[in-house]
Amino acid sequence: MATKKTSIGGQALIEGIMMRGPERTAMAVRNDKTKEIVLEEYPTKGKDRAKFFKLPFIRGIFNMIDSLSFGYKCLMRSAELSGLEDEETNKTPSTWDKIFEKLMMPIATVLAVALALGLFVYLPMQLWKWLTAASPATAQNYYLRACFEGVMRILLFVGYVWATSLMKDIRRTYMYHGAEHKTIFCYEKGLPLTVENVRPQVRFHPRCGTSFMVLMLIVGILVSMFIRVDNLLLRTALKLLTFPVVVGIGYELIKFAGRHDNLLTRIISAPGKALQHITTREPDDSMIECAIAAMEKVIPADGSDNW
C-alpha cells in the first residue's frame, strides 16, 4: 500500500496526547473519574511566523522553543483535565498560595537549568580534566576530548531516561507516547484511524523528540571539535553559544529522516529508534482512542501536512 509522509507530530501528556498539525493543535485527555475523552483545540503556534524564521537551520531553534513552551502548557493542562491532581490543588488558592506559586516557578526553572548545565555540560568537561591531568598531550587532543565529553553526555541522558522509566506514572506516559507514534504511522499508511488499524503499527518513529535529542547530542560532538579552549567556564559559555547551531542541524536531520526512507535516513534514525525502546511502550486501547481523537482534529482538509 502506498504511504505518505506527514508533518503532523505529537507529544504524550498526563493521561492523554497532544497532536500538532500545520493549522490546528489538539489535545485529548482521558478524565480519570468519568473515563471520557476531553478535547481542546488551539491554533498551531508559529504558523504565522515571518518567512526568515522558517528558513532551514534557522527554524529549528524557534520551533524547539515553541514546542517546549507550548508542550509544557499542555502537560500542565492535561493534569487538570485528567482529574488526577491532588484534592489540595483543586481548592481555591489563598493570596499567599498564589504569591508562593509565582515565586517558586522561576526559582524551580533556574534550578533545573543549573542542574542540567552542571550535569550534561560541566561534569563531562571536569571528568576529562581529571582523567588527563597526568597527560598534557592527551588533554590537548580536542577531537578525542569532544568524543569523550559527547559520549559521557549520551550515557548520562540514556541513564536519566532509563531511570525515569522505572516510575509508574512515567511508564504510562511512555505508553501514550507509543500510541502517538502508532497513530501517526497508521495515518501515513492511508488506513482508517481505528483502534484495530492502529494497534498493530510499530511504535518507533524516525521523527520523534527522543530521536531529536539523540541527534543533537551526536551533532554536538562534531561541533565541539571546533571549540579549542581549556578553561571550563569559557568552554561552557562557548558550548551554550553554539547550541542554536546544534539545534538547527539536528532539526534539519530529523526532518530529512521523517521525509525519506533510505539507507542514510535509517542510519540517522537508528540511535533515536534504539532509545525509543525505553521512551515508548505498547499502549492499551483506551490510549489509542485518545491518540486517534487528537489526530482527527488536526488533519488538514487541503493536505497541507504532506511532505
Protein backbone atom coordinates (compact mmCIF):
# COMPACT_ATOMS: atom_id res chain seq x y z
CA MET A 1 0.00 0.00 0.00
CA ALA A 2 1.29 3.46 -0.89
CA THR A 3 2.41 5.53 2.07
CA LYS A 4 2.57 9.25 2.69
CA LYS A 5 4.77 11.38 4.90
CA THR A 6 3.09 13.84 7.24
CA SER A 7 4.40 16.82 9.15
CA ILE A 8 1.94 16.13 11.99
CA GLY A 9 3.69 15.38 15.24
CA GLY A 10 2.67 14.92 18.83
CA GLN A 11 3.55 14.69 22.49
CA ALA A 12 2.50 12.35 25.25
CA LEU A 13 0.76 14.06 28.16
CA ILE A 14 -0.64 13.03 31.52
CA GLU A 15 -3.36 10.53 30.56
CA GLY A 16 -3.52 11.95 27.06
CA ILE A 17 -1.87 13.08 23.86
CA MET A 18 -1.30 16.35 22.03
CA MET A 19 -1.17 16.35 18.22
CA ARG A 20 0.18 19.32 16.28
CA GLY A 21 -0.87 19.90 12.68
CA PRO A 22 0.05 22.71 10.27
CA GLU A 23 -3.05 24.75 11.21
CA ARG A 24 -4.54 23.26 14.38
CA THR A 25 -3.22 21.68 17.55
CA ALA A 26 -5.41 19.40 19.67
CA MET A 27 -5.05 17.61 22.97
CA ALA A 28 -7.15 14.62 24.03
CA VAL A 29 -7.07 13.66 27.71
CA ARG A 30 -8.86 10.80 29.46
CA ASN A 31 -10.62 12.00 32.60
CA ASP A 32 -9.90 9.56 35.42
CA LYS A 33 -13.33 9.95 37.03
CA THR A 34 -15.71 9.99 34.06
CA LYS A 35 -13.43 7.94 31.75
CA GLU A 36 -14.46 10.27 28.93
CA ILE A 37 -12.04 11.89 26.50
CA VAL A 38 -11.78 15.66 26.94
CA LEU A 39 -10.74 17.53 23.79
CA GLU A 40 -9.25 21.01 23.45
CA GLU A 41 -8.12 22.73 20.26
CA TYR A 42 -5.78 25.67 19.59
CA PRO A 43 -4.26 27.40 16.56
CA THR A 44 -0.83 25.94 15.86
CA LYS A 45 1.81 28.20 17.36
CA GLY A 46 4.38 29.64 14.97
CA LYS A 47 2.43 29.05 11.76
CA ASP A 48 2.26 32.82 11.09
CA ARG A 49 5.93 33.42 11.83
CA ALA A 50 7.88 35.54 9.32
CA LYS A 51 9.49 33.66 6.42
CA PHE A 52 13.00 34.42 7.65
CA PHE A 53 12.38 32.40 10.81
CA LYS A 54 11.20 29.45 8.71
CA LEU A 55 14.45 29.17 6.75
CA PRO A 56 16.49 25.93 7.06
CA PHE A 57 18.90 25.85 10.02
CA ILE A 58 17.17 28.93 11.48
CA ARG A 59 13.70 27.45 12.01
CA GLY A 60 14.98 24.68 14.28
CA ILE A 61 15.69 26.82 17.36
CA PHE A 62 12.37 28.69 17.10
CA ASN A 63 10.37 25.50 16.58
CA MET A 64 12.13 23.97 19.57
CA ILE A 65 11.24 26.96 21.77
CA ASP A 66 7.61 26.76 20.63
CA SER A 67 7.47 23.01 21.24
CA LEU A 68 8.96 23.26 24.72
CA SER A 69 6.83 26.19 25.90
CA PHE A 70 3.54 25.01 24.43
CA GLY A 71 4.26 21.38 25.31
CA TYR A 72 4.78 22.38 28.94
CA LYS A 73 1.46 24.25 28.97
CA CYS A 74 -0.31 21.23 27.51
CA LEU A 75 1.32 18.98 30.09
CA MET A 76 0.09 21.17 32.95
CA ARG A 77 -3.36 21.44 31.38
CA SER A 78 -3.57 17.67 30.96
CA ALA A 79 -3.00 17.26 34.70
CA GLU A 80 -6.11 19.38 35.29
CA LEU A 81 -8.26 17.68 32.64
CA SER A 82 -7.32 14.18 33.76
CA GLY A 83 -8.65 14.82 37.27
CA LEU A 84 -5.54 13.25 38.79
CA GLU A 85 -4.46 16.35 40.67
CA ASP A 86 -4.41 16.13 44.42
CA GLU A 87 -7.52 17.45 46.13
CA GLU A 88 -5.47 20.15 47.79
CA THR A 89 -4.56 21.63 44.42
CA ASN A 90 -8.25 21.87 43.49
CA LYS A 91 -9.08 24.10 46.43
CA THR A 92 -9.31 27.84 45.86
CA PRO A 93 -5.76 29.09 46.48
CA SER A 94 -5.20 31.84 49.02
CA THR A 95 -3.30 35.04 48.22
CA TRP A 96 -0.19 33.63 49.88
CA ASP A 97 -0.51 30.42 47.85
CA LYS A 98 -0.60 32.45 44.64
CA ILE A 99 2.44 34.51 45.68
CA PHE A 100 4.33 31.36 46.65
CA GLU A 101 3.47 29.71 43.32
CA LYS A 102 4.64 32.73 41.34
CA LEU A 103 7.92 32.80 43.28
CA MET A 104 8.61 29.08 43.16
CA MET A 105 8.07 28.61 39.42
CA PRO A 106 11.00 30.82 38.28
CA ILE A 107 13.19 29.51 41.12
CA ALA A 108 12.46 25.90 40.12
CA THR A 109 13.17 26.75 36.47
CA VAL A 110 16.53 28.34 37.33
CA LEU A 111 17.50 25.37 39.49
CA ALA A 112 16.50 22.91 36.75
CA VAL A 113 18.59 24.78 34.14
CA ALA A 114 21.55 24.99 36.53
CA LEU A 115 21.30 21.24 37.26
CA ALA A 116 21.13 20.42 33.54
CA LEU A 117 24.16 22.59 32.77
CA GLY A 118 26.13 21.10 35.64
CA LEU A 119 25.25 17.50 34.80
CA PHE A 120 25.33 17.50 30.99
CA VAL A 121 27.83 20.27 30.21
CA TYR A 122 30.19 20.93 33.13
CA LEU A 123 30.54 17.39 34.56
CA PRO A 124 31.86 15.72 31.34
CA MET A 125 34.40 18.52 30.93
CA GLN A 126 35.53 18.21 34.55
CA LEU A 127 35.87 14.43 34.20
CA TRP A 128 38.08 14.91 31.14
CA LYS A 129 40.25 17.35 33.09
CA TRP A 130 40.68 14.88 35.94
CA LEU A 131 41.42 11.92 33.67
CA THR A 132 44.02 13.77 31.58
CA ALA A 133 45.70 15.68 34.42
CA ALA A 134 48.80 13.49 34.15
CA SER A 135 48.93 13.64 30.34
CA PRO A 136 49.03 17.18 28.89
CA ALA A 137 49.40 15.84 25.34
CA THR A 138 46.17 13.87 25.63
CA ALA A 139 44.43 16.85 27.21
CA GLN A 140 45.23 18.91 24.10
CA ASN A 141 43.65 16.37 21.75
CA TYR A 142 40.42 18.27 21.09
CA TYR A 143 38.99 15.59 18.79
CA LEU A 144 39.34 12.94 21.50
CA ARG A 145 38.08 15.39 24.10
CA ALA A 146 34.93 16.19 22.10
CA CYS A 147 34.22 12.48 21.65
CA PHE A 148 34.72 11.75 25.36
CA GLU A 149 32.51 14.60 26.51
CA GLY A 150 29.84 13.74 23.93
CA VAL A 151 29.75 10.04 24.83
CA MET A 152 29.51 10.97 28.52
CA ARG A 153 26.51 13.20 27.78
CA ILE A 154 24.84 10.43 25.81
CA LEU A 155 25.40 7.94 28.64
CA LEU A 156 24.03 10.42 31.20
CA PHE A 157 20.99 11.10 29.02
CA VAL A 158 20.27 7.39 28.46
CA GLY A 159 20.73 6.75 32.18
CA TYR A 160 18.30 9.55 33.02
CA VAL A 161 15.69 8.23 30.56
CA TRP A 162 16.06 4.68 31.89
CA ALA A 163 15.76 5.86 35.50
CA THR A 164 12.54 7.78 34.76
CA SER A 165 11.09 4.72 33.03
CA LEU A 166 11.10 2.94 36.40
CA MET A 167 8.41 5.33 37.68
CA LYS A 168 4.85 4.08 37.26
CA ASP A 169 3.40 7.41 36.07
CA ILE A 170 6.22 7.90 33.55
CA ARG A 171 5.69 4.38 32.19
CA ARG A 172 2.06 5.29 31.47
CA THR A 173 3.22 8.45 29.71
CA TYR A 174 5.58 6.32 27.61
CA MET A 175 2.59 4.12 26.71
CA TYR A 176 0.77 7.20 25.43
CA HIS A 177 3.95 8.05 23.53
CA GLY A 178 3.69 4.67 21.83
CA ALA A 179 0.04 5.35 20.97
CA GLU A 180 1.03 8.66 19.38
CA HIS A 181 3.62 7.02 17.11
CA LYS A 182 1.34 4.14 16.14
CA THR A 183 -1.47 6.51 15.19
CA ILE A 184 0.82 8.64 13.02
CA PHE A 185 2.09 5.51 11.27
CA CYS A 186 -1.49 4.35 10.66
CA TYR A 187 -2.35 7.71 9.11
CA GLU A 188 0.79 7.69 6.96
CA LYS A 189 -0.19 4.28 5.61
CA GLY A 190 -3.54 5.67 4.50
CA LEU A 191 -5.52 3.37 6.78
CA PRO A 192 -8.73 4.45 8.55
CA LEU A 193 -7.96 5.67 12.05
CA THR A 194 -9.47 2.88 14.12
CA VAL A 195 -8.14 1.11 17.19
CA GLU A 196 -7.87 -2.12 15.19
CA ASN A 197 -5.74 -0.45 12.49
CA VAL A 198 -3.54 1.49 14.92
CA ARG A 199 -2.83 -1.38 17.32
CA PRO A 200 -0.51 -3.45 15.05
CA GLN A 201 1.62 -0.47 13.93
CA VAL A 202 5.21 -0.15 15.15
CA ARG A 203 5.89 2.33 17.91
CA PHE A 204 9.34 3.53 16.78
CA HIS A 205 9.08 6.64 14.61
CA PRO A 206 12.08 8.39 12.97
CA ARG A 207 10.59 11.87 13.56
CA CYS A 208 10.43 11.83 17.34
CA GLY A 209 11.57 14.13 20.13
CA THR A 210 13.70 11.32 21.53
CA SER A 211 15.49 10.93 18.20
CA PHE A 212 15.91 14.71 18.02
CA MET A 213 17.62 14.79 21.42
CA VAL A 214 19.99 11.97 20.48
CA LEU A 215 20.81 13.66 17.16
CA MET A 216 21.62 16.91 18.95
CA LEU A 217 23.98 15.08 21.28
CA ILE A 218 25.76 13.48 18.31
CA VAL A 219 25.92 16.73 16.33
CA GLY A 220 27.21 18.39 19.50
CA ILE A 221 30.25 16.10 19.39
CA LEU A 222 31.16 17.34 15.90
CA VAL A 223 30.59 20.99 16.79
CA SER A 224 32.63 20.63 19.99
CA MET A 225 35.67 19.59 17.96
CA PHE A 226 35.97 23.22 16.85
CA ILE A 227 35.91 24.57 20.42
CA ARG A 228 39.59 24.67 21.31
CA VAL A 229 39.80 26.24 24.75
CA ASP A 230 40.67 24.61 28.06
CA ASN A 231 39.13 26.97 30.60
CA LEU A 232 35.99 25.18 31.81
CA LEU A 233 33.86 28.28 32.24
CA LEU A 234 34.84 29.66 28.84
CA ARG A 235 34.33 26.28 27.23
CA THR A 236 30.87 26.05 28.82
CA ALA A 237 30.00 29.53 27.54
CA LEU A 238 31.11 28.64 24.00
CA LYS A 239 29.06 25.43 24.08
CA LEU A 240 26.00 27.46 25.03
CA LEU A 241 26.68 29.92 22.20
CA THR A 242 26.88 27.07 19.68
CA PHE A 243 23.66 25.48 20.97
CA PRO A 244 21.47 27.15 18.27
CA VAL A 245 23.81 25.70 15.63
CA VAL A 246 23.45 22.21 17.11
CA VAL A 247 19.66 22.56 17.29
CA GLY A 248 19.47 23.88 13.72
CA ILE A 249 21.47 20.99 12.28
CA GLY A 250 19.65 18.40 14.40
CA TYR A 251 16.27 19.75 13.34
CA GLU A 252 17.10 19.55 9.63
CA LEU A 253 18.38 15.99 10.07
CA ILE A 254 15.21 14.88 11.86
CA LYS A 255 13.02 16.46 9.16
CA PHE A 256 15.10 14.77 6.46
CA ALA A 257 14.74 11.41 8.21
CA GLY A 258 10.99 11.93 8.50
CA ARG A 259 10.58 12.70 4.80
CA HIS A 260 12.68 9.93 3.31
CA ASP A 261 13.23 6.21 3.82
CA ASN A 262 16.64 5.06 2.59
CA LEU A 263 19.91 3.72 3.96
CA LEU A 264 21.13 7.17 5.03
CA THR A 265 17.95 8.07 6.91
CA ARG A 266 17.84 4.65 8.55
CA ILE A 267 21.37 5.26 9.84
CA ILE A 268 20.40 8.73 11.06
CA SER A 269 17.30 7.37 12.81
CA ALA A 270 18.91 4.25 14.31
CA PRO A 271 20.21 5.75 17.62
CA GLY A 272 16.92 7.50 18.36
CA LYS A 273 14.84 4.46 17.48
CA ALA A 274 17.01 2.35 19.77
CA LEU A 275 16.30 4.70 22.67
CA GLN A 276 12.60 4.63 21.85
CA HIS A 277 12.60 1.06 23.18
CA ILE A 278 12.65 2.87 26.55
CA THR A 279 10.64 6.05 25.83
CA THR A 280 7.73 4.26 24.14
CA ARG A 281 5.68 1.33 25.39
CA GLU A 282 2.84 -0.70 23.96
CA PRO A 283 -0.39 1.24 24.68
CA ASP A 284 -3.79 -0.10 25.63
CA ASP A 285 -6.88 0.57 23.50
CA SER A 286 -8.06 3.50 25.63
CA MET A 287 -4.75 5.29 24.98
CA ILE A 288 -5.04 4.64 21.26
CA GLU A 289 -8.52 6.16 21.34
CA CYS A 290 -7.04 9.37 22.79
CA ALA A 291 -4.40 9.49 20.08
CA ILE A 292 -7.00 9.00 17.34
CA ALA A 293 -9.27 11.68 18.82
CA ALA A 294 -6.44 14.24 18.84
CA MET A 295 -5.18 13.21 15.40
CA GLU A 296 -8.56 13.57 13.72
CA LYS A 297 -8.82 17.18 14.87
CA VAL A 298 -5.56 18.32 13.26
CA ILE A 299 -5.60 16.62 9.85
CA PRO A 300 -5.98 19.47 7.31
CA ALA A 301 -8.59 19.03 4.59
CA ASP A 302 -6.26 20.56 1.96
CA GLY A 303 -3.46 18.04 2.54
CA SER A 304 -1.02 20.76 3.65
CA ASP A 305 0.58 18.29 6.06
CA ASN A 306 2.00 16.24 3.18
CA TRP A 307 5.78 16.21 2.80
